[in-house]
Amino acid sequence: MKQAAFFSFSLFLLFSSTTLAISPAPAPKAPAKTPSTPSAAALSPKPLVPTLPQSPDSSDSVPDDITRILKKAKIFSVLIRLLKTTEIMNNINSQLITAKSGGLTILAPDDAAFSNLKAGFLNSLNEGQKIELLQFHILPEYVSSSNFDSLSNPVQTVAGKDPARLPLNVNALGNSVNISTGVVNASIVGVVYSDNKLAIYRLDKVLLPLDFFATKAPALAPTSAKAPKAAKDNSAAQGEDDTTQDQDNKSAAVSSVCIRGTTMVMLGIALVYVAMM
C-alpha cells in the first residue's frame, strides 16, 4: 500500500515539472514613451527689455487704465501729473478703448529722469510744448519687448515724424535698447506693462525734442534802415542851403562895396565942382 502511494506521488511530481518546463515565458514589457520636447522654432523670442520687479501683472490690470498701471509702479508721479494736467491721459485711455488694432507704446521717464532736468525747465514750457513733449514719448503702435530691432528710423511718434524737428532713433543691440533725439541719449531699463495692445517701458531720461532747442533764423532788418539815405538827402539840402546863403552873403557884400564906391565918386565930383566955382 505504501509503495503504491509513493509511486502515485512520484508520477504527480513528474507531471508537474513537465508542465512548468513547457509553459511560455512572459512577454517583455513595452518601453515607456518619453514625452516629446518642443522644437526650437516654437520657443518665443528672448525679450530685449527685462520686466521690472514692481511691474503689475497683465492679468491683474486693465489695459485702458493707464493711471492705475503707472501708480502701481510707484516711480511715475511726475509723469502722471503731466498726463492729467494736459489731458493726454484721457486721450490715451479713449484710444485704447476704441482702437481695434495697432495699440500704443508709451516710453515713460521715471521720477529720477525728471529730477535730472535743468531746474525750472518744465515750468518754462507753455501748454503746447508740454503736450508735444508727452506726445513725443508715445508711439502710435504696439511694440513688444523683443521687436525694437524691427523699427525703422526715424521712428514716428504721436507728435509727428519730422527728422528736422522731431528725430527719434532707436538702436537695439544685444539686451539693450537706446533712444536718441539729437539732444539726449536715453535707455529703456525695463518693462512696466505689456499685453497685446499696450506696452509701457521705463526710461532713464526724458526725451527732449530737438525742436525745443533749434536756433531760430535772425529777424530781417526793419525797412526804416533806409533812413540814412534820407539823412544824406537832408545833408545835401542843407549844403545847398549853406551854399546859397554864402552866395547871398557875397552878393550883399559886393553890392555894399559898389554902393560905397558910387558914393565916393559922386562926392569927388561934387568937391571938384565946388572948387571950380
C-alpha atoms as a PDB file:
ATOM      1  CA  MET A   1       0.000   0.000   0.000  1.00  0.00           C
ATOM      2  CA  LYS A   2       2.803   2.421   0.939  1.00  0.00           C
ATOM      3  CA  GLN A   3       4.645   1.564  -2.289  1.00  0.00           C
ATOM      4  CA  ALA A   4       1.527   2.358  -4.379  1.00  0.00           C
ATOM      5  CA  ALA A   5       1.099   5.722  -2.639  1.00  0.00           C
ATOM      6  CA  PHE A   6       4.756   6.576  -3.182  1.00  0.00           C
ATOM      7  CA  PHE A   7       4.535   5.647  -6.845  1.00  0.00           C
ATOM      8  CA  SER A   8       1.455   7.862  -7.340  1.00  0.00           C
ATOM      9  CA  PHE A   9       3.202  10.818  -5.668  1.00  0.00           C
ATOM     10  CA  SER A  10       6.232  10.354  -7.949  1.00  0.00           C
ATOM     11  CA  LEU A  11       4.036  10.439 -11.047  1.00  0.00           C
ATOM     12  CA  PHE A  12       2.396  13.664  -9.816  1.00  0.00           C
ATOM     13  CA  LEU A  13       5.762  15.385  -9.338  1.00  0.00           C
ATOM     14  CA  LEU A  14       6.947  14.287 -12.793  1.00  0.00           C
ATOM     15  CA  PHE A  15       3.801  15.594 -14.470  1.00  0.00           C
ATOM     16  CA  SER A  16       4.007  18.968 -12.672  1.00  0.00           C
ATOM     17  CA  SER A  17       7.659  19.572 -13.620  1.00  0.00           C
ATOM     18  CA  THR A  18       6.931  18.739 -17.277  1.00  0.00           C
ATOM     19  CA  THR A  19       4.053  21.251 -17.372  1.00  0.00           C
ATOM     20  CA  LEU A  20       6.239  24.069 -15.904  1.00  0.00           C
ATOM     21  CA  ALA A  21       9.021  23.366 -18.380  1.00  0.00           C
ATOM     22  CA  ILE A  22       6.818  23.783 -21.478  1.00  0.00           C
ATOM     23  CA  SER A  23       4.867  26.919 -20.277  1.00  0.00           C
ATOM     24  CA  PRO A  24       5.809  30.020 -22.394  1.00  0.00           C
ATOM     25  CA  ALA A  25       7.870  32.822 -20.875  1.00  0.00           C
ATOM     26  CA  PRO A  26       6.014  36.090 -20.188  1.00  0.00           C
ATOM     27  CA  ALA A  27       6.197  38.767 -22.923  1.00  0.00           C
ATOM     28  CA  PRO A  28       8.596  41.653 -22.261  1.00  0.00           C
ATOM     29  CA  LYS A  29       7.036  44.983 -21.282  1.00  0.00           C
ATOM     30  CA  ALA A  30       6.958  47.737 -23.897  1.00  0.00           C
ATOM     31  CA  PRO A  31       9.355  50.602 -23.122  1.00  0.00           C
ATOM     32  CA  ALA A  32       7.714  53.704 -21.710  1.00  0.00           C
ATOM     33  CA  LYS A  33       7.232  56.533 -24.179  1.00  0.00           C
ATOM     34  CA  THR A  34       9.307  59.612 -23.488  1.00  0.00           C
ATOM     35  CA  PRO A  35       7.450  62.900 -23.822  1.00  0.00           C
ATOM     36  CA  SER A  36       8.327  64.823 -26.981  1.00  0.00           C
ATOM     37  CA  THR A  37      10.244  68.074 -26.483  1.00  0.00           C
ATOM     38  CA  PRO A  38       9.008  71.205 -28.270  1.00  0.00           C
ATOM     39  CA  SER A  39      11.016  72.289 -31.277  1.00  0.00           C
ATOM     40  CA  ALA A  40      13.267  75.304 -31.097  1.00  0.00           C
ATOM     41  CA  ALA A  41      11.014  77.167 -33.537  1.00  0.00           C
ATOM     42  CA  ALA A  42       8.159  77.056 -31.056  1.00  0.00           C
ATOM     43  CA  LEU A  43      10.143  78.934 -28.422  1.00  0.00           C
ATOM     44  CA  SER A  44       9.258  82.615 -28.053  1.00  0.00           C
ATOM     45  CA  PRO A  45      11.998  85.139 -28.870  1.00  0.00           C
ATOM     46  CA  LYS A  46      14.029  86.430 -25.983  1.00  0.00           C
ATOM     47  CA  PRO A  47      12.887  89.898 -24.887  1.00  0.00           C
ATOM     48  CA  LEU A  48      15.357  92.725 -25.303  1.00  0.00           C
ATOM     49  CA  VAL A  49      13.988  94.553 -22.270  1.00  0.00           C
ATOM     50  CA  PRO A  50      13.688  92.834 -18.851  1.00  0.00           C
ATOM     51  CA  THR A  51      10.485  93.036 -16.838  1.00  0.00           C
ATOM     52  CA  LEU A  52      10.767  95.190 -13.734  1.00  0.00           C
ATOM     53  CA  PRO A  53      10.141  93.578 -10.332  1.00  0.00           C
ATOM     54  CA  GLN A  54       7.470  96.138  -9.472  1.00  0.00           C
ATOM     55  CA  SER A  55       5.641  95.744 -12.788  1.00  0.00           C
ATOM     56  CA  PRO A  56       1.942  94.891 -12.436  1.00  0.00           C
ATOM     57  CA  ASP A  57       0.809  91.563 -13.807  1.00  0.00           C
ATOM     58  CA  SER A  58      -1.026  91.985 -17.117  1.00  0.00           C
ATOM     59  CA  SER A  59      -3.767  89.641 -15.921  1.00  0.00           C
ATOM     60  CA  ASP A  60      -4.258  91.827 -12.842  1.00  0.00           C
ATOM     61  CA  SER A  61      -4.524  95.166 -14.676  1.00  0.00           C
ATOM     62  CA  VAL A  62      -6.944  96.773 -17.059  1.00  0.00           C
ATOM     63  CA  PRO A  63      -5.142  97.892 -20.256  1.00  0.00           C
ATOM     64  CA  ASP A  64      -7.246 101.053 -20.580  1.00  0.00           C
ATOM     65  CA  ASP A  65      -6.403 102.272 -17.057  1.00  0.00           C
ATOM     66  CA  ILE A  66      -3.016 103.957 -17.552  1.00  0.00           C
ATOM     67  CA  THR A  67      -3.182 105.765 -14.213  1.00  0.00           C
ATOM     68  CA  ARG A  68      -3.596 102.542 -12.251  1.00  0.00           C
ATOM     69  CA  ILE A  69      -0.696 100.883 -14.063  1.00  0.00           C
ATOM     70  CA  LEU A  70       1.689 103.808 -13.503  1.00  0.00           C
ATOM     71  CA  LYS A  71       0.633 104.301  -9.886  1.00  0.00           C
ATOM     72  CA  LYS A  72       1.260 100.644  -9.091  1.00  0.00           C
ATOM     73  CA  ALA A  73       4.860 101.038 -10.299  1.00  0.00           C
ATOM     74  CA  LYS A  74       5.309 103.894  -7.742  1.00  0.00           C
ATOM     75  CA  ILE A  75       8.008 105.741  -9.739  1.00  0.00           C
ATOM     76  CA  PHE A  76       5.993 107.876 -12.198  1.00  0.00           C
ATOM     77  CA  SER A  77       4.330 110.601 -10.098  1.00  0.00           C
ATOM     78  CA  VAL A  78       5.645 113.491 -12.271  1.00  0.00           C
ATOM     79  CA  LEU A  79       4.579 111.778 -15.483  1.00  0.00           C
ATOM     80  CA  ILE A  80       1.110 111.054 -14.083  1.00  0.00           C
ATOM     81  CA  ARG A  81       0.679 114.718 -13.106  1.00  0.00           C
ATOM     82  CA  LEU A  82       1.695 115.937 -16.585  1.00  0.00           C
ATOM     83  CA  LEU A  83      -0.574 113.432 -18.311  1.00  0.00           C
ATOM     84  CA  LYS A  84      -3.525 114.614 -16.228  1.00  0.00           C
ATOM     85  CA  THR A  85      -2.941 118.387 -16.482  1.00  0.00           C
ATOM     86  CA  THR A  86      -2.554 118.236 -20.265  1.00  0.00           C
ATOM     87  CA  GLU A  87      -5.493 115.789 -20.622  1.00  0.00           C
ATOM     88  CA  ILE A  88      -3.262 113.441 -22.616  1.00  0.00           C
ATOM     89  CA  MET A  89      -4.269 110.701 -20.163  1.00  0.00           C
ATOM     90  CA  ASN A  90      -7.904 110.901 -21.294  1.00  0.00           C
ATOM     91  CA  ASN A  91      -6.878 110.747 -24.956  1.00  0.00           C
ATOM     92  CA  ILE A  92      -4.761 107.626 -24.367  1.00  0.00           C
ATOM     93  CA  ASN A  93      -7.494 105.828 -22.439  1.00  0.00           C
ATOM     94  CA  SER A  94     -10.086 106.704 -25.093  1.00  0.00           C
ATOM     95  CA  GLN A  95      -7.840 105.499 -27.890  1.00  0.00           C
ATOM     96  CA  LEU A  96      -7.186 102.190 -26.136  1.00  0.00           C
ATOM     97  CA  ILE A  97     -10.916 101.647 -25.677  1.00  0.00           C
ATOM     98  CA  THR A  98     -11.912 102.484 -29.254  1.00  0.00           C
ATOM     99  CA  ALA A  99      -8.873 101.122 -31.118  1.00  0.00           C
ATOM    100  CA  LYS A 100      -9.486  97.737 -32.744  1.00  0.00           C
ATOM    101  CA  SER A 101      -5.878  97.202 -33.841  1.00  0.00           C
ATOM    102  CA  GLY A 102      -2.463  98.813 -33.655  1.00  0.00           C
ATOM    103  CA  GLY A 103      -2.241  99.662 -29.976  1.00  0.00           C
ATOM    104  CA  LEU A 104       0.130 102.099 -28.259  1.00  0.00           C
ATOM    105  CA  THR A 105       3.624 102.115 -26.798  1.00  0.00           C
ATOM    106  CA  ILE A 106       4.478 104.569 -24.012  1.00  0.00           C
ATOM    107  CA  LEU A 107       8.100 105.449 -23.234  1.00  0.00           C
ATOM    108  CA  ALA A 108       7.751 106.530 -19.609  1.00  0.00           C
ATOM    109  CA  PRO A 109      10.503 108.562 -17.887  1.00  0.00           C
ATOM    110  CA  ASP A 110      10.597 107.866 -14.162  1.00  0.00           C
ATOM    111  CA  ASP A 111      10.738 110.494 -11.418  1.00  0.00           C
ATOM    112  CA  ALA A 112      14.543 110.337 -11.318  1.00  0.00           C
ATOM    113  CA  ALA A 113      14.664 111.200 -15.023  1.00  0.00           C
ATOM    114  CA  PHE A 114      12.555 114.331 -14.498  1.00  0.00           C
ATOM    115  CA  SER A 115      14.649 115.363 -11.495  1.00  0.00           C
ATOM    116  CA  ASN A 116      17.745 115.405 -13.725  1.00  0.00           C
ATOM    117  CA  LEU A 117      16.270 118.105 -15.951  1.00  0.00           C
ATOM    118  CA  LYS A 118      17.514 121.675 -15.660  1.00  0.00           C
ATOM    119  CA  ALA A 119      15.840 123.480 -12.781  1.00  0.00           C
ATOM    120  CA  GLY A 120      12.659 125.208 -13.923  1.00  0.00           C
ATOM    121  CA  PHE A 121      12.656 123.540 -17.358  1.00  0.00           C
ATOM    122  CA  LEU A 122       9.105 122.164 -17.146  1.00  0.00           C
ATOM    123  CA  ASN A 123       7.753 125.462 -15.817  1.00  0.00           C
ATOM    124  CA  SER A 124       9.367 127.295 -18.749  1.00  0.00           C
ATOM    125  CA  LEU A 125       7.287 125.311 -21.258  1.00  0.00           C
ATOM    126  CA  ASN A 126       3.935 126.591 -22.434  1.00  0.00           C
ATOM    127  CA  GLU A 127       0.895 124.339 -22.688  1.00  0.00           C
ATOM    128  CA  GLY A 128       1.528 123.450 -26.322  1.00  0.00           C
ATOM    129  CA  GLN A 129       5.143 122.468 -25.630  1.00  0.00           C
ATOM    130  CA  LYS A 130       4.120 120.252 -22.708  1.00  0.00           C
ATOM    131  CA  ILE A 131       1.647 118.424 -24.937  1.00  0.00           C
ATOM    132  CA  GLU A 132       4.298 117.974 -27.634  1.00  0.00           C
ATOM    133  CA  LEU A 133       6.784 116.696 -25.036  1.00  0.00           C
ATOM    134  CA  LEU A 134       4.353 113.999 -23.846  1.00  0.00           C
ATOM    135  CA  GLN A 135       3.286 113.042 -27.378  1.00  0.00           C
ATOM    136  CA  PHE A 136       6.981 112.640 -28.224  1.00  0.00           C
ATOM    137  CA  HIS A 137       7.050 109.749 -25.687  1.00  0.00           C
ATOM    138  CA  ILE A 138       4.149 107.835 -27.311  1.00  0.00           C
ATOM    139  CA  LEU A 139       4.413 105.550 -30.355  1.00  0.00           C
ATOM    140  CA  PRO A 140       1.167 105.015 -32.320  1.00  0.00           C
ATOM    141  CA  GLU A 141       1.699 101.240 -32.411  1.00  0.00           C
ATOM    142  CA  TYR A 142       2.264  98.336 -30.050  1.00  0.00           C
ATOM    143  CA  VAL A 143       5.947  97.313 -29.848  1.00  0.00           C
ATOM    144  CA  SER A 144       6.773  94.198 -27.868  1.00  0.00           C
ATOM    145  CA  SER A 145       9.968  93.972 -25.835  1.00  0.00           C
ATOM    146  CA  SER A 146      11.553  91.723 -28.484  1.00  0.00           C
ATOM    147  CA  ASN A 147      10.663  93.830 -31.549  1.00  0.00           C
ATOM    148  CA  PHE A 148      12.529  97.095 -31.030  1.00  0.00           C
ATOM    149  CA  ASP A 149      15.141  95.982 -33.556  1.00  0.00           C
ATOM    150  CA  SER A 150      12.414  95.846 -36.233  1.00  0.00           C
ATOM    151  CA  LEU A 151      11.611  99.587 -36.050  1.00  0.00           C
ATOM    152  CA  SER A 152      12.694 101.872 -38.904  1.00  0.00           C
ATOM    153  CA  ASN A 153      14.467 105.122 -38.030  1.00  0.00           C
ATOM    154  CA  PRO A 154      13.405 107.820 -37.581  1.00  0.00           C
ATOM    155  CA  VAL A 155      10.583 106.325 -35.538  1.00  0.00           C
ATOM    156  CA  GLN A 156       7.206 108.039 -35.759  1.00  0.00           C
ATOM    157  CA  THR A 157       5.660 109.337 -32.536  1.00  0.00           C
ATOM    158  CA  VAL A 158       2.251 110.836 -31.822  1.00  0.00           C
ATOM    159  CA  ALA A 159       3.963 114.249 -32.006  1.00  0.00           C
ATOM    160  CA  GLY A 160       4.877 113.597 -35.657  1.00  0.00           C
ATOM    161  CA  LYS A 161       7.671 112.321 -37.884  1.00  0.00           C
ATOM    162  CA  ASP A 162       9.835 115.263 -38.915  1.00  0.00           C
ATOM    163  CA  PRO A 163      13.584 114.428 -38.982  1.00  0.00           C
ATOM    164  CA  ALA A 164      14.445 118.112 -38.813  1.00  0.00           C
ATOM    165  CA  ARG A 165      12.240 118.927 -35.801  1.00  0.00           C
ATOM    166  CA  LEU A 166      11.374 115.648 -34.054  1.00  0.00           C
ATOM    167  CA  PRO A 167      14.014 112.984 -34.777  1.00  0.00           C
ATOM    168  CA  LEU A 168      13.697 109.786 -32.712  1.00  0.00           C
ATOM    169  CA  ASN A 169      16.131 106.963 -33.486  1.00  0.00           C
ATOM    170  CA  VAL A 170      16.069 103.558 -31.767  1.00  0.00           C
ATOM    171  CA  ASN A 171      19.148 101.327 -31.574  1.00  0.00           C
ATOM    172  CA  ALA A 172      18.566  97.801 -30.234  1.00  0.00           C
ATOM    173  CA  LEU A 173      21.790  95.897 -29.607  1.00  0.00           C
ATOM    174  CA  GLY A 174      22.073  92.749 -27.501  1.00  0.00           C
ATOM    175  CA  ASN A 175      19.974  93.186 -24.370  1.00  0.00           C
ATOM    176  CA  SER A 176      19.892  96.996 -24.520  1.00  0.00           C
ATOM    177  CA  VAL A 177      17.615  99.470 -26.285  1.00  0.00           C
ATOM    178  CA  ASN A 178      18.939 103.030 -26.684  1.00  0.00           C
ATOM    179  CA  ILE A 179      16.981 106.029 -27.943  1.00  0.00           C
ATOM    180  CA  SER A 180      18.468 109.248 -29.362  1.00  0.00           C
ATOM    181  CA  THR A 181      16.666 112.535 -30.065  1.00  0.00           C
ATOM    182  CA  GLY A 182      19.583 114.677 -31.194  1.00  0.00           C
ATOM    183  CA  VAL A 183      19.544 116.345 -27.764  1.00  0.00           C
ATOM    184  CA  VAL A 184      19.654 113.428 -25.315  1.00  0.00           C
ATOM    185  CA  ASN A 185      20.518 109.715 -25.370  1.00  0.00           C
ATOM    186  CA  ALA A 186      18.232 107.574 -23.187  1.00  0.00           C
ATOM    187  CA  SER A 187      17.924 103.865 -22.442  1.00  0.00           C
ATOM    188  CA  ILE A 188      14.946 101.600 -21.793  1.00  0.00           C
ATOM    189  CA  VAL A 189      15.650  99.957 -18.447  1.00  0.00           C
ATOM    190  CA  GLY A 190      12.606  97.732 -18.036  1.00  0.00           C
ATOM    191  CA  VAL A 191       9.050  96.751 -18.927  1.00  0.00           C
ATOM    192  CA  VAL A 192       6.367  98.379 -16.793  1.00  0.00           C
ATOM    193  CA  TYR A 193       3.386  96.758 -18.523  1.00  0.00           C
ATOM    194  CA  SER A 194       2.760  94.773 -21.699  1.00  0.00           C
ATOM    195  CA  ASP A 195      -0.112  92.917 -23.337  1.00  0.00           C
ATOM    196  CA  ASN A 196      -1.105  92.621 -26.984  1.00  0.00           C
ATOM    197  CA  LYS A 197      -2.495  96.180 -27.093  1.00  0.00           C
ATOM    198  CA  LEU A 198      -0.448  98.379 -24.775  1.00  0.00           C
ATOM    199  CA  ALA A 199       3.217  98.441 -23.810  1.00  0.00           C
ATOM    200  CA  ILE A 200       4.787 100.774 -21.228  1.00  0.00           C
ATOM    201  CA  TYR A 201       8.579 100.927 -20.866  1.00  0.00           C
ATOM    202  CA  ARG A 202      10.621 102.732 -18.244  1.00  0.00           C
ATOM    203  CA  LEU A 203      13.153 105.333 -19.439  1.00  0.00           C
ATOM    204  CA  ASP A 204      16.162 106.615 -17.518  1.00  0.00           C
ATOM    205  CA  LYS A 205      15.970 110.074 -19.171  1.00  0.00           C
ATOM    206  CA  VAL A 206      13.335 112.442 -20.521  1.00  0.00           C
ATOM    207  CA  LEU A 207      13.229 112.516 -24.331  1.00  0.00           C
ATOM    208  CA  LEU A 208      13.739 116.176 -25.252  1.00  0.00           C
ATOM    209  CA  PRO A 209      12.673 117.108 -28.818  1.00  0.00           C
ATOM    210  CA  LEU A 210      15.242 118.865 -30.979  1.00  0.00           C
ATOM    211  CA  ASP A 211      12.503 121.350 -31.840  1.00  0.00           C
ATOM    212  CA  PHE A 212      12.789 122.872 -28.363  1.00  0.00           C
ATOM    213  CA  PHE A 213      16.435 123.793 -28.895  1.00  0.00           C
ATOM    214  CA  ALA A 214      16.617 124.659 -32.616  1.00  0.00           C
ATOM    215  CA  THR A 215      18.160 128.079 -33.251  1.00  0.00           C
ATOM    216  CA  LYS A 216      15.739 130.450 -34.919  1.00  0.00           C
ATOM    217  CA  ALA A 217      16.728 132.441 -38.032  1.00  0.00           C
ATOM    218  CA  PRO A 218      17.665 136.072 -37.291  1.00  0.00           C
ATOM    219  CA  ALA A 219      14.929 138.634 -37.892  1.00  0.00           C
ATOM    220  CA  LEU A 220      15.107 140.746 -41.042  1.00  0.00           C
ATOM    221  CA  ALA A 221      16.273 144.339 -40.719  1.00  0.00           C
ATOM    222  CA  PRO A 222      13.371 146.843 -40.488  1.00  0.00           C
ATOM    223  CA  THR A 223      12.503 148.949 -43.515  1.00  0.00           C
ATOM    224  CA  SER A 224      13.400 152.095 -41.573  1.00  0.00           C
ATOM    225  CA  ALA A 225      17.021 151.205 -42.311  1.00  0.00           C
ATOM    226  CA  LYS A 226      16.684 153.404 -45.385  1.00  0.00           C
ATOM    227  CA  ALA A 227      16.665 156.437 -43.105  1.00  0.00           C
ATOM    228  CA  PRO A 228      20.406 157.175 -43.652  1.00  0.00           C
ATOM    229  CA  LYS A 229      19.617 157.909 -47.296  1.00  0.00           C
ATOM    230  CA  ALA A 230      17.082 160.493 -46.193  1.00  0.00           C
ATOM    231  CA  ALA A 231      19.656 161.906 -43.837  1.00  0.00           C
ATOM    232  CA  LYS A 232      22.077 162.092 -46.734  1.00  0.00           C
ATOM    233  CA  ASP A 233      19.450 163.924 -48.745  1.00  0.00           C
ATOM    234  CA  ASN A 234      18.891 166.292 -45.846  1.00  0.00           C
ATOM    235  CA  SER A 235      22.615 166.866 -45.592  1.00  0.00           C
ATOM    236  CA  ALA A 236      22.778 167.638 -49.303  1.00  0.00           C
ATOM    237  CA  ALA A 237      19.854 170.004 -48.987  1.00  0.00           C
ATOM    238  CA  GLN A 238      21.463 171.632 -46.009  1.00  0.00           C
ATOM    239  CA  GLY A 239      24.662 172.001 -48.007  1.00  0.00           C
ATOM    240  CA  GLU A 240      22.785 173.589 -50.860  1.00  0.00           C
ATOM    241  CA  ASP A 241      21.127 175.987 -48.425  1.00  0.00           C
ATOM    242  CA  ASP A 242      24.504 176.855 -46.933  1.00  0.00           C
ATOM    243  CA  THR A 243      25.948 177.442 -50.428  1.00  0.00           C
ATOM    244  CA  THR A 244      23.020 179.642 -51.350  1.00  0.00           C
ATOM    245  CA  GLN A 245      23.416 181.579 -48.114  1.00  0.00           C
ATOM    246  CA  ASP A 246      27.103 182.079 -48.803  1.00  0.00           C
ATOM    247  CA  GLN A 247      26.349 183.316 -52.315  1.00  0.00           C
ATOM    248  CA  ASP A 248      23.726 185.699 -50.961  1.00  0.00           C
ATOM    249  CA  ASN A 249      26.187 186.994 -48.405  1.00  0.00           C
ATOM    250  CA  LYS A 250      28.817 187.500 -51.109  1.00  0.00           C
ATOM    251  CA  SER A 251      26.309 189.292 -53.338  1.00  0.00           C
ATOM    252  CA  ALA A 252      25.320 191.540 -50.474  1.00  0.00           C
ATOM    253  CA  ALA A 253      28.963 192.332 -49.794  1.00  0.00           C
ATOM    254  CA  VAL A 254      29.609 193.147 -53.445  1.00  0.00           C
ATOM    255  CA  SER A 255      26.547 195.355 -53.560  1.00  0.00           C
ATOM    256  CA  SER A 256      27.681 197.193 -50.446  1.00  0.00           C
ATOM    257  CA  VAL A 257      31.121 197.796 -51.962  1.00  0.00           C
ATOM    258  CA  CYS A 258      29.555 199.044 -55.176  1.00  0.00           C
ATOM    259  CA  ILE A 259      27.282 201.434 -53.306  1.00  0.00           C
ATOM    260  CA  ARG A 260      30.131 202.770 -51.274  1.00  0.00           C
ATOM    261  CA  GLY A 261      32.250 203.210 -54.437  1.00  0.00           C
ATOM    262  CA  THR A 262      29.494 205.087 -56.208  1.00  0.00           C
ATOM    263  CA  THR A 263      29.044 207.352 -53.211  1.00  0.00           C
ATOM    264  CA  MET A 264      32.735 208.210 -53.132  1.00  0.00           C
ATOM    265  CA  VAL A 265      32.766 209.014 -56.864  1.00  0.00           C
ATOM    266  CA  MET A 266      29.801 211.351 -56.540  1.00  0.00           C
ATOM    267  CA  LEU A 267      31.369 213.005 -53.533  1.00  0.00           C
ATOM    268  CA  GLY A 268      34.579 213.574 -55.518  1.00  0.00           C
ATOM    269  CA  ILE A 269      32.665 215.145 -58.411  1.00  0.00           C
ATOM    270  CA  ALA A 270      30.848 217.460 -56.009  1.00  0.00           C
ATOM    271  CA  LEU A 271      34.128 218.651 -54.485  1.00  0.00           C
ATOM    272  CA  VAL A 272      35.621 219.380 -57.937  1.00  0.00           C
ATOM    273  CA  TYR A 273      32.530 221.363 -58.900  1.00  0.00           C
ATOM    274  CA  VAL A 274      32.731 223.483 -55.753  1.00  0.00           C
ATOM    275  CA  ALA A 275      36.408 224.189 -56.338  1.00  0.00           C
ATOM    276  CA  MET A 276      35.775 225.451 -59.837  1.00  0.00           C
ATOM    277  CA  MET A 277      33.228 227.969 -58.636  1.00  0.00           C
END
